N, C-alpha and C. Protein backbone atom coordinates (compact mmCIF):
# COMPACT_ATOMS: atom_id res chain seq x y z
N MET A 1 -8.25 -6.64 -14.23
CA MET A 1 -8.25 -7.71 -13.26
C MET A 1 -8.09 -7.09 -11.87
N PRO A 2 -8.97 -7.45 -10.93
CA PRO A 2 -8.88 -6.85 -9.59
C PRO A 2 -7.65 -7.33 -8.84
N LYS A 3 -7.24 -6.50 -7.91
CA LYS A 3 -6.12 -6.81 -7.05
C LYS A 3 -6.66 -6.98 -5.63
N ILE A 4 -6.41 -8.14 -5.05
CA ILE A 4 -6.98 -8.49 -3.75
C ILE A 4 -5.86 -8.68 -2.73
N ALA A 5 -5.97 -8.00 -1.59
CA ALA A 5 -5.01 -8.16 -0.50
C ALA A 5 -5.52 -9.22 0.47
N ILE A 6 -4.65 -10.11 0.84
CA ILE A 6 -4.92 -11.05 1.93
C ILE A 6 -4.20 -10.46 3.13
N ILE A 7 -4.97 -9.88 4.04
CA ILE A 7 -4.40 -9.12 5.15
C ILE A 7 -4.27 -10.00 6.38
N LEU A 8 -3.03 -10.19 6.79
CA LEU A 8 -2.71 -10.98 7.99
C LEU A 8 -2.91 -10.08 9.20
N GLY A 9 -3.94 -10.38 9.99
CA GLY A 9 -4.40 -9.48 11.04
C GLY A 9 -3.93 -9.79 12.44
N SER A 10 -2.78 -10.41 12.59
CA SER A 10 -2.21 -10.66 13.91
C SER A 10 -0.74 -10.30 13.88
N THR A 11 -0.25 -9.77 14.99
CA THR A 11 1.16 -9.41 15.10
C THR A 11 1.85 -10.18 16.23
N ARG A 12 1.14 -11.10 16.86
CA ARG A 12 1.70 -11.83 18.00
C ARG A 12 2.89 -12.69 17.60
N PRO A 13 3.90 -12.78 18.43
CA PRO A 13 4.97 -13.75 18.19
C PRO A 13 4.38 -15.17 18.20
N GLY A 14 4.79 -15.99 17.26
CA GLY A 14 4.28 -17.36 17.19
C GLY A 14 2.84 -17.46 16.71
N ARG A 15 2.36 -16.42 16.07
CA ARG A 15 0.95 -16.34 15.64
C ARG A 15 0.57 -17.49 14.68
N ASN A 16 -0.65 -17.97 14.85
CA ASN A 16 -1.21 -18.98 13.94
C ASN A 16 -1.60 -18.37 12.60
N GLY A 17 -1.87 -17.09 12.59
CA GLY A 17 -2.38 -16.43 11.39
C GLY A 17 -1.45 -16.48 10.21
N GLU A 18 -0.16 -16.54 10.44
CA GLU A 18 0.78 -16.55 9.32
C GLU A 18 0.60 -17.79 8.46
N ALA A 19 0.47 -18.95 9.09
CA ALA A 19 0.24 -20.20 8.34
C ALA A 19 -1.10 -20.15 7.62
N VAL A 20 -2.11 -19.60 8.28
CA VAL A 20 -3.44 -19.50 7.68
C VAL A 20 -3.41 -18.57 6.46
N ALA A 21 -2.80 -17.41 6.60
CA ALA A 21 -2.75 -16.44 5.50
C ALA A 21 -1.97 -17.01 4.31
N LYS A 22 -0.88 -17.69 4.56
CA LYS A 22 -0.10 -18.29 3.47
C LYS A 22 -0.90 -19.39 2.78
N TRP A 23 -1.67 -20.14 3.53
CA TRP A 23 -2.54 -21.18 2.98
C TRP A 23 -3.59 -20.56 2.06
N VAL A 24 -4.21 -19.47 2.52
CA VAL A 24 -5.20 -18.77 1.69
C VAL A 24 -4.53 -18.26 0.42
N LEU A 25 -3.36 -17.67 0.55
CA LEU A 25 -2.64 -17.15 -0.62
C LEU A 25 -2.31 -18.28 -1.60
N ASP A 26 -1.88 -19.43 -1.10
CA ASP A 26 -1.58 -20.57 -1.97
C ASP A 26 -2.81 -21.01 -2.76
N ILE A 27 -3.95 -21.04 -2.12
CA ILE A 27 -5.20 -21.40 -2.81
C ILE A 27 -5.55 -20.32 -3.84
N ALA A 28 -5.43 -19.07 -3.43
CA ALA A 28 -5.79 -17.95 -4.32
C ALA A 28 -4.90 -17.92 -5.56
N LYS A 29 -3.64 -18.20 -5.40
CA LYS A 29 -2.70 -18.11 -6.53
C LYS A 29 -2.96 -19.19 -7.59
N GLN A 30 -3.78 -20.16 -7.29
CA GLN A 30 -4.16 -21.16 -8.29
C GLN A 30 -5.27 -20.64 -9.20
N ARG A 31 -5.79 -19.48 -8.90
CA ARG A 31 -6.87 -18.87 -9.66
C ARG A 31 -6.31 -17.87 -10.66
N SER A 32 -7.11 -17.54 -11.66
CA SER A 32 -6.67 -16.56 -12.66
C SER A 32 -7.61 -15.36 -12.76
N ASP A 33 -8.48 -15.19 -11.76
CA ASP A 33 -9.49 -14.13 -11.82
C ASP A 33 -9.08 -12.84 -11.14
N ALA A 34 -7.93 -12.84 -10.46
CA ALA A 34 -7.47 -11.65 -9.74
C ALA A 34 -5.99 -11.81 -9.43
N GLN A 35 -5.38 -10.70 -9.05
CA GLN A 35 -4.02 -10.73 -8.52
C GLN A 35 -4.14 -10.74 -7.00
N TYR A 36 -3.39 -11.60 -6.36
CA TYR A 36 -3.47 -11.73 -4.90
C TYR A 36 -2.12 -11.42 -4.28
N GLU A 37 -2.16 -10.73 -3.14
CA GLU A 37 -0.93 -10.37 -2.44
C GLU A 37 -1.15 -10.48 -0.94
N LEU A 38 -0.20 -11.04 -0.25
CA LEU A 38 -0.25 -11.11 1.20
C LEU A 38 0.27 -9.79 1.78
N VAL A 39 -0.52 -9.18 2.65
CA VAL A 39 -0.15 -7.94 3.32
C VAL A 39 -0.16 -8.23 4.82
N ASP A 40 1.00 -8.15 5.42
CA ASP A 40 1.17 -8.46 6.85
C ASP A 40 1.20 -7.14 7.62
N ILE A 41 0.22 -6.92 8.48
CA ILE A 41 0.18 -5.64 9.21
C ILE A 41 1.42 -5.46 10.09
N ALA A 42 2.06 -6.54 10.49
CA ALA A 42 3.27 -6.43 11.31
C ALA A 42 4.38 -5.70 10.57
N ASP A 43 4.39 -5.78 9.25
CA ASP A 43 5.43 -5.13 8.45
C ASP A 43 5.34 -3.60 8.51
N TYR A 44 4.20 -3.06 8.91
CA TYR A 44 4.00 -1.61 8.90
C TYR A 44 4.25 -0.97 10.26
N LYS A 45 4.45 -1.77 11.27
CA LYS A 45 4.81 -1.28 12.60
C LYS A 45 3.96 -0.07 13.03
N LEU A 46 2.67 -0.23 12.88
CA LEU A 46 1.75 0.84 13.24
C LEU A 46 1.62 0.94 14.76
N PRO A 47 1.87 2.11 15.33
CA PRO A 47 1.64 2.28 16.77
C PRO A 47 0.13 2.40 17.01
N HIS A 48 -0.25 2.59 18.26
CA HIS A 48 -1.65 2.93 18.49
C HIS A 48 -1.94 4.20 17.70
N LEU A 49 -3.14 4.30 17.19
CA LEU A 49 -3.51 5.40 16.31
C LEU A 49 -2.95 6.72 16.82
N ASP A 50 -2.11 7.33 16.00
CA ASP A 50 -1.41 8.55 16.43
C ASP A 50 -1.58 9.71 15.44
N GLU A 51 -2.65 9.68 14.68
CA GLU A 51 -2.97 10.80 13.78
C GLU A 51 -3.92 11.74 14.52
N ALA A 52 -3.61 13.02 14.52
CA ALA A 52 -4.42 14.00 15.26
C ALA A 52 -5.78 14.25 14.61
N ILE A 53 -5.85 14.11 13.29
CA ILE A 53 -7.08 14.39 12.56
C ILE A 53 -7.74 13.07 12.20
N PRO A 54 -9.06 12.96 12.31
CA PRO A 54 -9.73 11.70 11.99
C PRO A 54 -9.40 11.22 10.57
N PRO A 55 -9.25 9.91 10.38
CA PRO A 55 -8.90 9.36 9.07
C PRO A 55 -9.87 9.75 7.96
N SER A 56 -11.12 10.00 8.28
CA SER A 56 -12.10 10.36 7.25
C SER A 56 -11.74 11.67 6.55
N ALA A 57 -10.89 12.49 7.18
CA ALA A 57 -10.44 13.74 6.54
C ALA A 57 -9.32 13.49 5.54
N GLY A 58 -8.67 12.34 5.63
CA GLY A 58 -7.61 12.00 4.69
C GLY A 58 -6.37 12.86 4.80
N GLN A 59 -6.14 13.44 5.95
CA GLN A 59 -4.98 14.32 6.15
C GLN A 59 -3.92 13.63 7.01
N TYR A 60 -3.35 12.57 6.46
CA TYR A 60 -2.36 11.79 7.19
C TYR A 60 -1.04 12.54 7.28
N THR A 61 -0.37 12.43 8.42
CA THR A 61 0.89 13.14 8.61
C THR A 61 2.05 12.21 8.96
N GLN A 62 1.77 11.08 9.52
CA GLN A 62 2.83 10.18 9.97
C GLN A 62 3.35 9.32 8.82
N PRO A 63 4.66 9.11 8.73
CA PRO A 63 5.22 8.28 7.65
C PRO A 63 4.64 6.87 7.60
N HIS A 64 4.40 6.27 8.78
CA HIS A 64 3.84 4.91 8.79
C HIS A 64 2.40 4.91 8.26
N THR A 65 1.65 5.95 8.53
CA THR A 65 0.28 6.05 8.01
C THR A 65 0.31 6.22 6.50
N LEU A 66 1.19 7.07 6.02
CA LEU A 66 1.29 7.30 4.58
C LEU A 66 1.68 6.02 3.84
N ALA A 67 2.61 5.24 4.40
CA ALA A 67 3.01 3.98 3.77
C ALA A 67 1.85 2.98 3.79
N TRP A 68 1.15 2.90 4.90
CA TRP A 68 0.00 1.99 5.03
C TRP A 68 -1.11 2.40 4.06
N ALA A 69 -1.38 3.69 3.97
CA ALA A 69 -2.42 4.19 3.06
C ALA A 69 -2.07 3.88 1.61
N GLU A 70 -0.83 4.08 1.25
CA GLU A 70 -0.39 3.80 -0.12
C GLU A 70 -0.58 2.32 -0.46
N LYS A 71 -0.25 1.44 0.48
CA LYS A 71 -0.41 0.00 0.23
C LYS A 71 -1.88 -0.37 0.08
N ILE A 72 -2.72 0.05 1.00
CA ILE A 72 -4.13 -0.34 0.97
C ILE A 72 -4.84 0.25 -0.24
N ALA A 73 -4.46 1.44 -0.67
CA ALA A 73 -5.08 2.07 -1.84
C ALA A 73 -4.85 1.27 -3.12
N GLU A 74 -3.84 0.43 -3.15
CA GLU A 74 -3.53 -0.38 -4.34
C GLU A 74 -4.61 -1.42 -4.65
N PHE A 75 -5.43 -1.78 -3.67
CA PHE A 75 -6.29 -2.95 -3.79
C PHE A 75 -7.74 -2.61 -4.09
N ASP A 76 -8.40 -3.59 -4.73
CA ASP A 76 -9.82 -3.50 -5.05
C ASP A 76 -10.68 -4.29 -4.06
N GLY A 77 -10.05 -5.14 -3.30
CA GLY A 77 -10.76 -5.97 -2.34
C GLY A 77 -9.79 -6.57 -1.35
N PHE A 78 -10.37 -7.18 -0.32
CA PHE A 78 -9.56 -7.68 0.79
C PHE A 78 -10.09 -9.02 1.30
N VAL A 79 -9.18 -9.83 1.80
CA VAL A 79 -9.52 -10.99 2.60
C VAL A 79 -8.80 -10.77 3.93
N PHE A 80 -9.57 -10.61 4.99
CA PHE A 80 -8.99 -10.40 6.31
C PHE A 80 -8.82 -11.76 6.99
N VAL A 81 -7.61 -12.05 7.40
CA VAL A 81 -7.33 -13.27 8.16
C VAL A 81 -7.19 -12.82 9.61
N THR A 82 -8.13 -13.25 10.44
CA THR A 82 -8.19 -12.72 11.81
C THR A 82 -8.31 -13.82 12.85
N PRO A 83 -7.60 -13.64 13.95
CA PRO A 83 -7.86 -14.49 15.11
C PRO A 83 -9.07 -13.95 15.85
N GLU A 84 -9.56 -14.74 16.77
CA GLU A 84 -10.59 -14.22 17.68
C GLU A 84 -10.00 -14.11 19.07
N TYR A 85 -10.01 -12.89 19.59
CA TYR A 85 -9.56 -12.63 20.95
C TYR A 85 -10.73 -12.02 21.71
N ASN A 86 -11.15 -12.65 22.76
CA ASN A 86 -12.20 -12.10 23.62
C ASN A 86 -13.45 -11.69 22.84
N HIS A 87 -13.91 -12.58 21.98
CA HIS A 87 -15.11 -12.38 21.17
C HIS A 87 -14.98 -11.27 20.14
N SER A 88 -13.76 -10.92 19.75
CA SER A 88 -13.57 -9.87 18.76
C SER A 88 -12.32 -10.17 17.94
N THR A 89 -12.00 -9.25 17.05
CA THR A 89 -10.79 -9.37 16.26
C THR A 89 -9.59 -8.92 17.11
N SER A 90 -8.41 -9.03 16.55
CA SER A 90 -7.22 -8.59 17.29
C SER A 90 -7.19 -7.07 17.37
N GLY A 91 -6.66 -6.57 18.46
CA GLY A 91 -6.50 -5.13 18.59
C GLY A 91 -5.61 -4.55 17.50
N ALA A 92 -4.59 -5.31 17.10
CA ALA A 92 -3.67 -4.84 16.07
C ALA A 92 -4.39 -4.65 14.73
N LEU A 93 -5.28 -5.59 14.37
CA LEU A 93 -6.01 -5.46 13.11
C LEU A 93 -6.99 -4.30 13.19
N LYS A 94 -7.70 -4.19 14.28
CA LYS A 94 -8.65 -3.07 14.42
C LYS A 94 -7.92 -1.73 14.34
N ASN A 95 -6.78 -1.64 14.98
CA ASN A 95 -5.98 -0.42 14.93
C ASN A 95 -5.53 -0.12 13.50
N ALA A 96 -5.07 -1.13 12.79
CA ALA A 96 -4.61 -0.94 11.40
C ALA A 96 -5.76 -0.47 10.51
N ILE A 97 -6.92 -1.02 10.72
CA ILE A 97 -8.10 -0.61 9.95
C ILE A 97 -8.43 0.85 10.28
N ASP A 98 -8.40 1.19 11.55
CA ASP A 98 -8.79 2.53 12.00
C ASP A 98 -7.88 3.64 11.52
N PHE A 99 -6.67 3.34 11.11
CA PHE A 99 -5.76 4.37 10.62
C PHE A 99 -6.25 5.04 9.34
N LEU A 100 -7.08 4.32 8.55
CA LEU A 100 -7.45 4.80 7.22
C LEU A 100 -8.95 4.91 7.06
N PHE A 101 -9.37 5.60 6.00
CA PHE A 101 -10.78 5.66 5.67
C PHE A 101 -11.00 5.49 4.17
N ALA A 102 -10.69 6.49 3.39
CA ALA A 102 -11.00 6.45 1.95
C ALA A 102 -10.34 5.27 1.24
N GLU A 103 -9.21 4.84 1.72
CA GLU A 103 -8.49 3.73 1.08
C GLU A 103 -9.27 2.42 1.15
N TRP A 104 -10.20 2.31 2.10
CA TRP A 104 -11.04 1.12 2.23
C TRP A 104 -12.34 1.24 1.41
N ASN A 105 -12.77 2.44 1.12
CA ASN A 105 -14.11 2.71 0.58
C ASN A 105 -14.37 2.01 -0.75
N ASN A 106 -15.62 1.56 -0.90
CA ASN A 106 -16.16 1.02 -2.15
C ASN A 106 -15.37 -0.18 -2.67
N LYS A 107 -14.97 -1.01 -1.74
CA LYS A 107 -14.24 -2.23 -2.06
C LYS A 107 -14.96 -3.39 -1.37
N ALA A 108 -14.55 -4.60 -1.67
CA ALA A 108 -15.19 -5.78 -1.10
C ALA A 108 -14.26 -6.45 -0.09
N ALA A 109 -14.85 -7.18 0.84
CA ALA A 109 -14.05 -7.90 1.83
C ALA A 109 -14.65 -9.26 2.14
N GLY A 110 -13.76 -10.22 2.30
CA GLY A 110 -14.11 -11.55 2.79
C GLY A 110 -13.29 -11.82 4.04
N PHE A 111 -13.61 -12.93 4.71
CA PHE A 111 -12.97 -13.19 6.00
C PHE A 111 -12.60 -14.66 6.15
N VAL A 112 -11.42 -14.86 6.72
CA VAL A 112 -10.97 -16.17 7.17
C VAL A 112 -10.59 -15.98 8.63
N SER A 113 -11.24 -16.73 9.50
CA SER A 113 -11.01 -16.53 10.93
C SER A 113 -10.67 -17.85 11.60
N TYR A 114 -10.05 -17.72 12.76
CA TYR A 114 -9.71 -18.91 13.54
C TYR A 114 -9.84 -18.58 15.02
N GLY A 115 -10.25 -19.60 15.76
CA GLY A 115 -10.43 -19.46 17.20
C GLY A 115 -11.15 -20.67 17.74
N ALA A 116 -11.51 -20.62 19.01
CA ALA A 116 -12.16 -21.75 19.66
C ALA A 116 -13.48 -22.10 18.98
N VAL A 117 -14.21 -21.10 18.53
CA VAL A 117 -15.44 -21.35 17.77
C VAL A 117 -15.27 -20.87 16.33
N GLY A 118 -14.07 -21.03 15.81
CA GLY A 118 -13.79 -20.69 14.43
C GLY A 118 -13.59 -19.21 14.16
N GLY A 119 -13.57 -18.40 15.19
CA GLY A 119 -13.38 -16.96 14.99
C GLY A 119 -14.61 -16.24 14.49
N ALA A 120 -15.75 -16.88 14.53
CA ALA A 120 -16.98 -16.29 13.97
C ALA A 120 -17.34 -14.96 14.63
N ARG A 121 -17.09 -14.84 15.91
CA ARG A 121 -17.44 -13.58 16.60
C ARG A 121 -16.52 -12.44 16.19
N ALA A 122 -15.27 -12.76 15.88
CA ALA A 122 -14.35 -11.73 15.38
C ALA A 122 -14.85 -11.18 14.05
N VAL A 123 -15.34 -12.08 13.20
CA VAL A 123 -15.85 -11.64 11.89
C VAL A 123 -17.11 -10.80 12.07
N GLU A 124 -17.98 -11.17 12.97
CA GLU A 124 -19.18 -10.36 13.20
C GLU A 124 -18.81 -8.94 13.59
N HIS A 125 -17.80 -8.80 14.40
CA HIS A 125 -17.33 -7.46 14.78
C HIS A 125 -16.79 -6.73 13.56
N LEU A 126 -15.96 -7.41 12.76
CA LEU A 126 -15.38 -6.79 11.57
C LEU A 126 -16.45 -6.38 10.56
N ARG A 127 -17.52 -7.15 10.45
CA ARG A 127 -18.60 -6.78 9.52
C ARG A 127 -19.19 -5.41 9.88
N LEU A 128 -19.35 -5.14 11.17
CA LEU A 128 -19.86 -3.83 11.60
C LEU A 128 -18.89 -2.72 11.22
N VAL A 129 -17.62 -2.96 11.41
CA VAL A 129 -16.60 -1.96 11.07
C VAL A 129 -16.58 -1.72 9.56
N MET A 130 -16.67 -2.79 8.78
CA MET A 130 -16.65 -2.66 7.32
C MET A 130 -17.80 -1.79 6.81
N GLY A 131 -18.96 -1.94 7.40
CA GLY A 131 -20.11 -1.12 7.00
C GLY A 131 -19.82 0.36 7.16
N GLU A 132 -19.18 0.74 8.23
CA GLU A 132 -18.85 2.14 8.48
C GLU A 132 -17.82 2.67 7.47
N LEU A 133 -16.98 1.77 6.98
CA LEU A 133 -15.93 2.15 6.03
C LEU A 133 -16.36 2.02 4.57
N LYS A 134 -17.63 1.75 4.35
CA LYS A 134 -18.18 1.60 3.01
C LYS A 134 -17.52 0.44 2.25
N VAL A 135 -17.31 -0.65 2.98
CA VAL A 135 -16.77 -1.88 2.40
C VAL A 135 -17.90 -2.89 2.33
N ALA A 136 -18.08 -3.50 1.16
CA ALA A 136 -19.11 -4.53 0.98
C ALA A 136 -18.54 -5.87 1.42
N ASP A 137 -19.00 -6.36 2.57
CA ASP A 137 -18.50 -7.65 3.03
C ASP A 137 -19.37 -8.77 2.45
N VAL A 138 -18.70 -9.83 2.01
CA VAL A 138 -19.41 -10.94 1.38
C VAL A 138 -19.94 -11.91 2.42
N ARG A 139 -20.94 -12.68 2.01
CA ARG A 139 -21.62 -13.56 2.95
C ARG A 139 -20.74 -14.71 3.41
N ASN A 140 -20.16 -15.44 2.46
CA ASN A 140 -19.42 -16.64 2.83
C ASN A 140 -18.11 -16.27 3.52
N GLN A 141 -17.79 -17.05 4.53
CA GLN A 141 -16.55 -16.86 5.27
C GLN A 141 -15.98 -18.24 5.60
N VAL A 142 -14.74 -18.26 5.98
CA VAL A 142 -14.08 -19.51 6.35
C VAL A 142 -13.78 -19.42 7.84
N THR A 143 -14.29 -20.38 8.61
CA THR A 143 -14.05 -20.41 10.05
C THR A 143 -13.24 -21.66 10.38
N LEU A 144 -12.11 -21.44 11.00
CA LEU A 144 -11.18 -22.52 11.34
C LEU A 144 -11.13 -22.70 12.85
N SER A 145 -11.32 -23.91 13.29
CA SER A 145 -11.35 -24.21 14.72
C SER A 145 -9.96 -24.51 15.25
N LEU A 146 -9.61 -23.88 16.35
CA LEU A 146 -8.34 -24.21 17.01
C LEU A 146 -8.32 -25.66 17.48
N ILE A 147 -9.48 -26.24 17.66
CA ILE A 147 -9.58 -27.60 18.18
C ILE A 147 -9.42 -28.64 17.07
N THR A 148 -10.04 -28.40 15.91
CA THR A 148 -10.02 -29.41 14.85
C THR A 148 -9.11 -29.09 13.67
N ASP A 149 -8.74 -27.82 13.48
CA ASP A 149 -7.92 -27.43 12.34
C ASP A 149 -6.48 -27.09 12.73
N PHE A 150 -6.15 -27.30 13.99
CA PHE A 150 -4.79 -27.08 14.49
C PHE A 150 -4.44 -28.23 15.44
N LYS A 151 -3.24 -28.76 15.32
CA LYS A 151 -2.74 -29.73 16.30
C LYS A 151 -2.14 -28.94 17.45
N ASN A 152 -2.51 -29.32 18.67
CA ASN A 152 -2.01 -28.65 19.87
C ASN A 152 -2.22 -27.13 19.81
N TYR A 153 -3.29 -26.72 19.17
CA TYR A 153 -3.68 -25.31 19.08
C TYR A 153 -2.67 -24.43 18.34
N SER A 154 -1.67 -25.04 17.68
CA SER A 154 -0.64 -24.21 17.07
C SER A 154 -0.15 -24.69 15.69
N GLU A 155 -0.27 -25.95 15.36
CA GLU A 155 0.17 -26.44 14.05
C GLU A 155 -1.04 -26.53 13.12
N PHE A 156 -1.03 -25.72 12.08
CA PHE A 156 -2.18 -25.60 11.18
C PHE A 156 -2.34 -26.85 10.31
N THR A 157 -3.46 -27.53 10.48
CA THR A 157 -3.79 -28.73 9.71
C THR A 157 -5.26 -28.65 9.28
N PRO A 158 -5.56 -27.79 8.32
CA PRO A 158 -6.97 -27.55 7.96
C PRO A 158 -7.62 -28.79 7.32
N ALA A 159 -8.88 -28.96 7.61
CA ALA A 159 -9.66 -30.02 6.97
C ALA A 159 -9.78 -29.70 5.48
N ASP A 160 -9.81 -30.73 4.66
CA ASP A 160 -9.85 -30.56 3.20
C ASP A 160 -11.03 -29.73 2.72
N TYR A 161 -12.17 -29.86 3.39
CA TYR A 161 -13.36 -29.14 2.91
C TYR A 161 -13.22 -27.63 2.97
N HIS A 162 -12.26 -27.14 3.74
CA HIS A 162 -12.06 -25.68 3.82
C HIS A 162 -11.55 -25.09 2.51
N VAL A 163 -10.90 -25.89 1.69
CA VAL A 163 -10.38 -25.38 0.41
C VAL A 163 -11.55 -24.86 -0.45
N ALA A 164 -12.63 -25.63 -0.52
CA ALA A 164 -13.81 -25.20 -1.29
C ALA A 164 -14.43 -23.95 -0.67
N GLU A 165 -14.42 -23.86 0.66
CA GLU A 165 -14.96 -22.67 1.33
C GLU A 165 -14.16 -21.43 0.95
N VAL A 166 -12.83 -21.56 0.91
CA VAL A 166 -11.99 -20.44 0.50
C VAL A 166 -12.34 -20.04 -0.93
N GLY A 167 -12.52 -21.03 -1.81
CA GLY A 167 -12.86 -20.75 -3.20
C GLY A 167 -14.17 -19.99 -3.34
N THR A 168 -15.17 -20.39 -2.60
CA THR A 168 -16.47 -19.72 -2.65
C THR A 168 -16.36 -18.28 -2.15
N MET A 169 -15.64 -18.11 -1.05
CA MET A 169 -15.46 -16.76 -0.50
C MET A 169 -14.70 -15.88 -1.50
N LEU A 170 -13.64 -16.42 -2.11
CA LEU A 170 -12.89 -15.65 -3.11
C LEU A 170 -13.74 -15.33 -4.33
N ASP A 171 -14.59 -16.27 -4.76
CA ASP A 171 -15.52 -15.99 -5.87
C ASP A 171 -16.32 -14.73 -5.57
N GLN A 172 -16.84 -14.65 -4.37
CA GLN A 172 -17.67 -13.51 -3.98
C GLN A 172 -16.86 -12.22 -3.87
N VAL A 173 -15.67 -12.30 -3.29
CA VAL A 173 -14.84 -11.10 -3.15
C VAL A 173 -14.47 -10.55 -4.52
N VAL A 174 -14.08 -11.43 -5.44
CA VAL A 174 -13.70 -10.98 -6.78
C VAL A 174 -14.91 -10.40 -7.50
N SER A 175 -16.05 -11.07 -7.41
CA SER A 175 -17.26 -10.59 -8.07
C SER A 175 -17.65 -9.21 -7.56
N TRP A 176 -17.67 -9.03 -6.26
CA TRP A 176 -18.04 -7.74 -5.67
C TRP A 176 -16.98 -6.68 -5.95
N SER A 177 -15.72 -7.06 -5.96
CA SER A 177 -14.66 -6.10 -6.28
C SER A 177 -14.83 -5.59 -7.70
N ASN A 178 -15.15 -6.48 -8.62
CA ASN A 178 -15.41 -6.06 -10.00
C ASN A 178 -16.65 -5.18 -10.09
N ALA A 179 -17.70 -5.58 -9.40
CA ALA A 179 -18.95 -4.82 -9.46
C ALA A 179 -18.79 -3.40 -8.90
N LEU A 180 -17.94 -3.25 -7.89
CA LEU A 180 -17.76 -1.94 -7.27
C LEU A 180 -16.76 -1.05 -8.01
N ALA A 181 -16.16 -1.55 -9.07
CA ALA A 181 -15.19 -0.75 -9.83
C ALA A 181 -15.80 0.56 -10.33
N THR A 182 -17.02 0.51 -10.82
CA THR A 182 -17.65 1.74 -11.32
C THR A 182 -17.93 2.72 -10.18
N VAL A 183 -18.24 2.20 -9.01
CA VAL A 183 -18.47 3.06 -7.84
C VAL A 183 -17.16 3.73 -7.44
N ARG A 184 -16.07 2.97 -7.44
CA ARG A 184 -14.76 3.56 -7.10
C ARG A 184 -14.37 4.62 -8.12
N GLU A 185 -14.62 4.35 -9.38
CA GLU A 185 -14.27 5.32 -10.43
C GLU A 185 -15.07 6.61 -10.27
N ALA A 186 -16.35 6.49 -9.92
CA ALA A 186 -17.21 7.67 -9.75
C ALA A 186 -16.79 8.51 -8.54
N ALA A 187 -16.26 7.83 -7.54
CA ALA A 187 -15.83 8.54 -6.32
C ALA A 187 -14.53 9.24 -6.61
């Protein structure tokens, strides 16, 4: 059974992402096709990238990098929960992704985003990054509007139809995570 991380990609105080990530986890835990775990990047206290050698070499030296690498290596796939800041993902999430390389390889990823236009532009940026990391990103994504899915831009009140969208996205992440198992084993 694949293990899927729901990665909370914001570290801001008062962040909307925490409610969104917990909502995704609650939906996921009703399924029996994978093990799901919430991974909050704030828990790893990653500074700006401080490894002297590029992550693709896999020669991590910092304790925070080693802990982050160990956690991400546990998973077969990911759901990134991301805000949209200035037409992109959060700097904290991009930084956390950039710390590692092989730990992301040959796995699947889905996206749940939120922002003024549902965070769609943040996901487009993340799709480019995933390609470089050899992550198969799935087509379906969940886009949540700060205008219609949050009261006063801060209280999460998702429309009911988003539950089915999360289900479809998770179907694809689990399917691709299973399909890539043989690729991961060969690597």
